Amino acid sequence: MSAPFTPHPHKARTGLHRIWHAGHYSMQGLRAGWAEKAFRLEACMAFVLLPSALWLGRGWVEVALLAGTVMLVLITELLNSGIEAAIDRIGPELHELSKRAKDMGSAAVLLSLLLCSGVWIAALFQRLFHG
């Protein structure tokens, strides 16, 4: 007979206590992301691009689209780093499924970068050449 399942003690938290701890874990995740070169580079670009979205966007929808694509790159990079960390935790040996998971995470980052670049190029073109 197996032992009864006991949930992780953090799952028992409720209300503001749970929100406080969730925020703390999120900050730890951002710090862990900062340790990744790719995330640092994209975050530095975001420090430039996010304020620039206020200048480039004409109205809140355009600003939200410009800023949203930048944030999507950061989100995707964090998720990709999480996938890589989990795969590396499993073991260092080469495995086709591990490679697929890492490749798909990388592809997701590439797609988010392409989307971000396309939106920003279109907005710059519109702003500079169509008044």
N, C-alpha and C. Protein backbone atom coordinates (compact mmCIF):
# COMPACT_ATOMS: atom_id res chain seq x y z
N MET A 1 0.84 -1.17 0.00
CA MET A 1 0.00 0.00 0.00
C MET A 1 0.89 1.23 0.00
N SER A 2 0.58 2.20 -0.83
CA SER A 2 1.40 3.41 -0.92
C SER A 2 0.96 4.45 0.10
N ALA A 3 1.89 5.30 0.45
CA ALA A 3 1.61 6.37 1.41
C ALA A 3 0.67 7.39 0.78
N PRO A 4 -0.18 8.01 1.57
CA PRO A 4 -1.09 9.02 1.00
C PRO A 4 -0.29 10.22 0.47
N PHE A 5 -0.82 10.80 -0.60
CA PHE A 5 -0.17 11.96 -1.22
C PHE A 5 -0.29 13.17 -0.31
N THR A 6 0.84 13.81 -0.03
CA THR A 6 0.83 15.05 0.75
C THR A 6 1.30 16.17 -0.16
N PRO A 7 0.48 17.21 -0.29
CA PRO A 7 0.87 18.31 -1.17
C PRO A 7 2.06 19.08 -0.62
N HIS A 8 2.71 19.78 -1.51
CA HIS A 8 3.84 20.62 -1.11
C HIS A 8 3.33 21.67 -0.13
N PRO A 9 4.07 21.99 0.92
CA PRO A 9 3.59 22.94 1.94
C PRO A 9 3.27 24.32 1.39
N HIS A 10 3.94 24.72 0.31
CA HIS A 10 3.66 26.05 -0.27
C HIS A 10 2.25 26.13 -0.85
N LYS A 11 1.69 24.98 -1.23
CA LYS A 11 0.35 24.96 -1.82
C LYS A 11 -0.72 25.27 -0.78
N ALA A 12 -0.40 25.14 0.50
CA ALA A 12 -1.37 25.39 1.56
C ALA A 12 -1.58 26.88 1.83
N ARG A 13 -0.68 27.71 1.32
CA ARG A 13 -0.81 29.15 1.55
C ARG A 13 -2.03 29.69 0.81
N THR A 14 -2.63 30.72 1.42
CA THR A 14 -3.79 31.35 0.78
C THR A 14 -3.70 32.86 0.92
N GLY A 15 -4.51 33.55 0.16
CA GLY A 15 -4.65 34.99 0.27
C GLY A 15 -3.37 35.76 0.01
N LEU A 16 -3.19 36.83 0.79
CA LEU A 16 -2.04 37.71 0.61
C LEU A 16 -0.71 36.99 0.87
N HIS A 17 -0.74 36.05 1.79
CA HIS A 17 0.47 35.28 2.10
C HIS A 17 0.94 34.53 0.85
N ARG A 18 0.01 33.93 0.13
CA ARG A 18 0.34 33.21 -1.11
C ARG A 18 0.83 34.16 -2.19
N ILE A 19 0.17 35.30 -2.32
CA ILE A 19 0.57 36.30 -3.32
C ILE A 19 1.97 36.83 -3.01
N TRP A 20 2.24 37.09 -1.73
CA TRP A 20 3.56 37.58 -1.32
C TRP A 20 4.65 36.59 -1.72
N HIS A 21 4.43 35.32 -1.42
CA HIS A 21 5.43 34.30 -1.74
C HIS A 21 5.55 34.09 -3.25
N ALA A 22 4.44 34.16 -3.96
CA ALA A 22 4.49 34.02 -5.42
C ALA A 22 5.31 35.16 -6.02
N GLY A 23 5.14 36.36 -5.51
CA GLY A 23 5.94 37.50 -5.98
C GLY A 23 7.41 37.29 -5.70
N HIS A 24 7.72 36.75 -4.54
CA HIS A 24 9.11 36.46 -4.18
C HIS A 24 9.72 35.44 -5.16
N TYR A 25 8.97 34.40 -5.46
CA TYR A 25 9.46 33.39 -6.40
C TYR A 25 9.63 33.97 -7.79
N SER A 26 8.74 34.86 -8.17
CA SER A 26 8.86 35.51 -9.48
C SER A 26 10.13 36.35 -9.55
N MET A 27 10.45 37.06 -8.48
CA MET A 27 11.68 37.85 -8.46
C MET A 27 12.91 36.94 -8.53
N GLN A 28 12.85 35.79 -7.87
CA GLN A 28 13.95 34.82 -7.97
C GLN A 28 14.09 34.34 -9.42
N GLY A 29 12.96 34.15 -10.10
CA GLY A 29 12.99 33.74 -11.49
C GLY A 29 13.61 34.80 -12.38
N LEU A 30 13.30 36.07 -12.12
CA LEU A 30 13.91 37.15 -12.90
C LEU A 30 15.41 37.23 -12.64
N ARG A 31 15.81 37.03 -11.39
CA ARG A 31 17.25 37.01 -11.08
C ARG A 31 17.94 35.84 -11.79
N ALA A 32 17.30 34.69 -11.81
CA ALA A 32 17.86 33.53 -12.50
C ALA A 32 17.93 33.81 -14.00
N GLY A 33 16.92 34.48 -14.54
CA GLY A 33 16.94 34.86 -15.95
C GLY A 33 18.07 35.81 -16.26
N TRP A 34 18.33 36.72 -15.34
CA TRP A 34 19.40 37.71 -15.54
C TRP A 34 20.76 37.02 -15.65
N ALA A 35 20.90 35.83 -15.09
CA ALA A 35 22.15 35.09 -15.17
C ALA A 35 22.38 34.53 -16.58
N GLU A 36 21.34 34.56 -17.42
CA GLU A 36 21.45 34.05 -18.79
C GLU A 36 21.82 35.20 -19.73
N LYS A 37 22.87 35.00 -20.54
CA LYS A 37 23.34 36.05 -21.44
C LYS A 37 22.26 36.55 -22.38
N ALA A 38 21.52 35.62 -22.98
CA ALA A 38 20.49 36.01 -23.96
C ALA A 38 19.43 36.88 -23.29
N PHE A 39 19.00 36.50 -22.08
CA PHE A 39 17.98 37.29 -21.39
C PHE A 39 18.51 38.68 -21.04
N ARG A 40 19.76 38.75 -20.58
CA ARG A 40 20.35 40.06 -20.26
C ARG A 40 20.36 40.97 -21.48
N LEU A 41 20.77 40.44 -22.63
CA LEU A 41 20.80 41.23 -23.85
C LEU A 41 19.40 41.70 -24.22
N GLU A 42 18.44 40.80 -24.17
CA GLU A 42 17.06 41.17 -24.53
C GLU A 42 16.48 42.14 -23.51
N ALA A 43 16.82 41.99 -22.24
CA ALA A 43 16.33 42.93 -21.22
C ALA A 43 16.92 44.32 -21.44
N CYS A 44 18.21 44.39 -21.80
CA CYS A 44 18.82 45.69 -22.09
C CYS A 44 18.15 46.35 -23.29
N MET A 45 17.84 45.55 -24.29
CA MET A 45 17.11 46.08 -25.44
C MET A 45 15.72 46.57 -25.02
N ALA A 46 15.09 45.85 -24.11
CA ALA A 46 13.77 46.25 -23.63
C ALA A 46 13.83 47.58 -22.90
N PHE A 47 14.91 47.84 -22.17
CA PHE A 47 15.05 49.13 -21.47
C PHE A 47 15.06 50.29 -22.45
N VAL A 48 15.51 50.04 -23.66
CA VAL A 48 15.51 51.07 -24.71
C VAL A 48 14.18 51.07 -25.45
N LEU A 49 13.70 49.88 -25.82
CA LEU A 49 12.52 49.79 -26.67
C LEU A 49 11.22 50.15 -25.96
N LEU A 50 11.08 49.77 -24.70
CA LEU A 50 9.81 50.06 -24.02
C LEU A 50 9.52 51.55 -23.93
N PRO A 51 10.47 52.40 -23.50
CA PRO A 51 10.18 53.84 -23.55
C PRO A 51 10.00 54.35 -24.99
N SER A 52 10.73 53.76 -25.93
CA SER A 52 10.62 54.17 -27.32
C SER A 52 9.23 53.89 -27.88
N ALA A 53 8.56 52.88 -27.33
CA ALA A 53 7.21 52.56 -27.78
C ALA A 53 6.26 53.73 -27.54
N LEU A 54 6.50 54.50 -26.49
CA LEU A 54 5.66 55.67 -26.20
C LEU A 54 5.84 56.74 -27.27
N TRP A 55 7.05 56.88 -27.80
CA TRP A 55 7.31 57.85 -28.87
C TRP A 55 6.78 57.35 -30.21
N LEU A 56 7.03 56.09 -30.49
CA LEU A 56 6.72 55.55 -31.81
C LEU A 56 5.23 55.26 -31.99
N GLY A 57 4.59 54.77 -30.97
CA GLY A 57 3.19 54.39 -31.09
C GLY A 57 2.28 55.61 -31.15
N ARG A 58 1.29 55.49 -32.00
CA ARG A 58 0.27 56.54 -32.13
C ARG A 58 -1.01 56.02 -31.51
N GLY A 59 -1.17 56.27 -30.26
CA GLY A 59 -2.34 55.77 -29.54
C GLY A 59 -1.96 54.55 -28.71
N TRP A 60 -2.86 54.23 -27.79
CA TRP A 60 -2.55 53.18 -26.84
C TRP A 60 -2.46 51.79 -27.47
N VAL A 61 -3.20 51.55 -28.55
CA VAL A 61 -3.16 50.24 -29.18
C VAL A 61 -1.78 49.98 -29.79
N GLU A 62 -1.24 50.97 -30.49
CA GLU A 62 0.09 50.81 -31.08
C GLU A 62 1.17 50.70 -30.01
N VAL A 63 1.07 51.50 -28.98
CA VAL A 63 2.04 51.41 -27.87
C VAL A 63 1.97 50.03 -27.23
N ALA A 64 0.76 49.54 -27.00
CA ALA A 64 0.59 48.22 -26.39
C ALA A 64 1.15 47.12 -27.30
N LEU A 65 0.95 47.24 -28.60
CA LEU A 65 1.48 46.24 -29.53
C LEU A 65 3.00 46.26 -29.55
N LEU A 66 3.58 47.44 -29.60
CA LEU A 66 5.04 47.56 -29.60
C LEU A 66 5.63 47.03 -28.29
N ALA A 67 5.07 47.48 -27.18
CA ALA A 67 5.58 47.04 -25.87
C ALA A 67 5.29 45.55 -25.66
N GLY A 68 4.13 45.11 -26.10
CA GLY A 68 3.75 43.71 -25.92
C GLY A 68 4.67 42.75 -26.64
N THR A 69 5.11 43.12 -27.84
CA THR A 69 6.02 42.22 -28.56
C THR A 69 7.39 42.15 -27.88
N VAL A 70 7.81 43.26 -27.28
CA VAL A 70 9.07 43.26 -26.54
C VAL A 70 8.94 42.37 -25.30
N MET A 71 7.84 42.51 -24.59
CA MET A 71 7.62 41.68 -23.40
C MET A 71 7.49 40.21 -23.78
N LEU A 72 6.89 39.93 -24.94
CA LEU A 72 6.76 38.55 -25.39
C LEU A 72 8.13 37.90 -25.59
N VAL A 73 9.09 38.66 -26.10
CA VAL A 73 10.45 38.13 -26.26
C VAL A 73 11.03 37.75 -24.89
N LEU A 74 10.86 38.63 -23.90
CA LEU A 74 11.39 38.34 -22.57
C LEU A 74 10.71 37.12 -21.95
N ILE A 75 9.40 37.06 -22.09
CA ILE A 75 8.64 35.92 -21.55
C ILE A 75 9.10 34.62 -22.20
N THR A 76 9.22 34.64 -23.51
CA THR A 76 9.62 33.43 -24.24
C THR A 76 11.03 33.01 -23.85
N GLU A 77 11.92 33.97 -23.69
CA GLU A 77 13.29 33.64 -23.29
C GLU A 77 13.32 33.01 -21.90
N LEU A 78 12.52 33.53 -20.98
CA LEU A 78 12.47 32.93 -19.64
C LEU A 78 11.93 31.51 -19.69
N LEU A 79 10.89 31.29 -20.48
CA LEU A 79 10.34 29.94 -20.61
C LEU A 79 11.35 28.99 -21.25
N ASN A 80 12.05 29.47 -22.27
CA ASN A 80 13.08 28.66 -22.91
C ASN A 80 14.19 28.30 -21.91
N SER A 81 14.61 29.27 -21.11
CA SER A 81 15.64 29.00 -20.11
C SER A 81 15.14 27.99 -19.08
N GLY A 82 13.87 28.08 -18.73
CA GLY A 82 13.29 27.10 -17.81
C GLY A 82 13.28 25.70 -18.39
N ILE A 83 12.94 25.58 -19.66
CA ILE A 83 12.97 24.28 -20.33
C ILE A 83 14.39 23.73 -20.32
N GLU A 84 15.35 24.57 -20.68
CA GLU A 84 16.74 24.12 -20.71
C GLU A 84 17.22 23.68 -19.34
N ALA A 85 16.85 24.43 -18.30
CA ALA A 85 17.27 24.06 -16.94
C ALA A 85 16.65 22.73 -16.53
N ALA A 86 15.39 22.52 -16.86
CA ALA A 86 14.73 21.27 -16.49
C ALA A 86 15.36 20.09 -17.23
N ILE A 87 15.66 20.27 -18.51
CA ILE A 87 16.29 19.20 -19.28
C ILE A 87 17.69 18.91 -18.73
N ASP A 88 18.44 19.97 -18.42
CA ASP A 88 19.78 19.77 -17.87
C ASP A 88 19.73 19.10 -16.51
N ARG A 89 18.67 19.33 -15.75
CA ARG A 89 18.50 18.71 -14.43
C ARG A 89 18.32 17.20 -14.57
N ILE A 90 17.65 16.79 -15.65
CA ILE A 90 17.40 15.36 -15.87
C ILE A 90 18.70 14.61 -16.07
N GLY A 91 19.63 15.23 -16.82
CA GLY A 91 20.92 14.57 -17.01
C GLY A 91 21.67 15.14 -18.19
N PRO A 92 22.99 14.96 -18.21
CA PRO A 92 23.82 15.55 -19.26
C PRO A 92 23.88 14.73 -20.55
N GLU A 93 23.39 13.48 -20.52
CA GLU A 93 23.52 12.65 -21.70
C GLU A 93 22.62 13.17 -22.84
N LEU A 94 23.07 12.94 -24.06
CA LEU A 94 22.32 13.35 -25.23
C LEU A 94 21.12 12.42 -25.41
N HIS A 95 19.97 13.03 -25.65
CA HIS A 95 18.75 12.26 -25.89
C HIS A 95 17.90 13.03 -26.90
N GLU A 96 17.29 12.31 -27.81
CA GLU A 96 16.52 12.95 -28.88
C GLU A 96 15.37 13.81 -28.33
N LEU A 97 14.70 13.35 -27.30
CA LEU A 97 13.59 14.14 -26.74
C LEU A 97 14.11 15.41 -26.05
N SER A 98 15.24 15.31 -25.38
CA SER A 98 15.84 16.49 -24.76
C SER A 98 16.21 17.51 -25.84
N LYS A 99 16.80 17.02 -26.93
CA LYS A 99 17.18 17.90 -28.04
C LYS A 99 15.94 18.55 -28.63
N ARG A 100 14.88 17.77 -28.83
CA ARG A 100 13.65 18.34 -29.38
C ARG A 100 13.08 19.43 -28.49
N ALA A 101 13.06 19.18 -27.19
CA ALA A 101 12.52 20.17 -26.25
C ALA A 101 13.33 21.46 -26.31
N LYS A 102 14.65 21.33 -26.28
CA LYS A 102 15.51 22.51 -26.34
C LYS A 102 15.38 23.23 -27.68
N ASP A 103 15.30 22.47 -28.77
CA ASP A 103 15.17 23.08 -30.09
C ASP A 103 13.84 23.81 -30.23
N MET A 104 12.77 23.24 -29.69
CA MET A 104 11.47 23.90 -29.77
C MET A 104 11.44 25.18 -28.93
N GLY A 105 12.08 25.15 -27.76
CA GLY A 105 12.18 26.37 -26.96
C GLY A 105 12.94 27.45 -27.70
N SER A 106 14.03 27.05 -28.34
CA SER A 106 14.82 28.00 -29.12
C SER A 106 14.02 28.55 -30.30
N ALA A 107 13.25 27.69 -30.95
CA ALA A 107 12.41 28.13 -32.06
C ALA A 107 11.35 29.13 -31.59
N ALA A 108 10.82 28.92 -30.40
CA ALA A 108 9.83 29.85 -29.85
C ALA A 108 10.45 31.23 -29.64
N VAL A 109 11.67 31.26 -29.14
CA VAL A 109 12.37 32.54 -28.97
C VAL A 109 12.59 33.20 -30.33
N LEU A 110 13.02 32.42 -31.31
CA LEU A 110 13.23 32.97 -32.66
C LEU A 110 11.95 33.57 -33.21
N LEU A 111 10.83 32.86 -33.09
CA LEU A 111 9.57 33.39 -33.60
C LEU A 111 9.15 34.67 -32.88
N SER A 112 9.38 34.73 -31.58
CA SER A 112 9.02 35.96 -30.85
C SER A 112 9.91 37.11 -31.28
N LEU A 113 11.19 36.84 -31.55
CA LEU A 113 12.10 37.89 -32.04
C LEU A 113 11.69 38.35 -33.43
N LEU A 114 11.30 37.42 -34.29
CA LEU A 114 10.85 37.80 -35.64
C LEU A 114 9.58 38.63 -35.59
N LEU A 115 8.64 38.24 -34.74
CA LEU A 115 7.40 39.02 -34.58
C LEU A 115 7.71 40.42 -34.07
N CYS A 116 8.54 40.51 -33.05
CA CYS A 116 8.91 41.81 -32.48
C CYS A 116 9.59 42.68 -33.53
N SER A 117 10.54 42.11 -34.24
CA SER A 117 11.26 42.87 -35.27
C SER A 117 10.31 43.35 -36.35
N GLY A 118 9.43 42.49 -36.80
CA GLY A 118 8.49 42.86 -37.85
C GLY A 118 7.57 43.98 -37.44
N VAL A 119 7.05 43.90 -36.23
CA VAL A 119 6.15 44.95 -35.73
C VAL A 119 6.89 46.28 -35.61
N TRP A 120 8.10 46.24 -35.06
CA TRP A 120 8.87 47.48 -34.89
C TRP A 120 9.30 48.07 -36.21
N ILE A 121 9.71 47.25 -37.17
CA ILE A 121 10.10 47.76 -38.49
C ILE A 121 8.90 48.39 -39.18
N ALA A 122 7.74 47.74 -39.12
CA ALA A 122 6.54 48.29 -39.74
C ALA A 122 6.15 49.62 -39.09
N ALA A 123 6.23 49.69 -37.78
CA ALA A 123 5.88 50.93 -37.08
C ALA A 123 6.86 52.05 -37.41
N LEU A 124 8.15 51.73 -37.46
CA LEU A 124 9.15 52.74 -37.85
C LEU A 124 8.93 53.22 -39.28
N PHE A 125 8.67 52.30 -40.17
CA PHE A 125 8.41 52.66 -41.57
C PHE A 125 7.20 53.58 -41.66
N GLN A 126 6.13 53.22 -40.96
CA GLN A 126 4.91 54.03 -40.95
C GLN A 126 5.19 55.43 -40.40
N ARG A 127 5.92 55.50 -39.32
CA ARG A 127 6.20 56.78 -38.64
C ARG A 127 7.12 57.67 -39.49
N LEU A 128 8.15 57.07 -40.09
CA LEU A 128 9.15 57.88 -40.79
C LEU A 128 8.76 58.22 -42.23
N PHE A 129 8.00 57.37 -42.89
CA PHE A 129 7.74 57.58 -44.30
C PHE A 129 6.30 57.90 -44.64
N HIS A 130 5.40 57.75 -43.70
CA HIS A 130 4.00 58.05 -43.98
C HIS A 130 3.42 59.04 -42.97
N GLY A 131 4.30 59.85 -42.46
CA GLY A 131 3.92 60.96 -41.61
C GLY A 131 3.20 60.62 -40.39
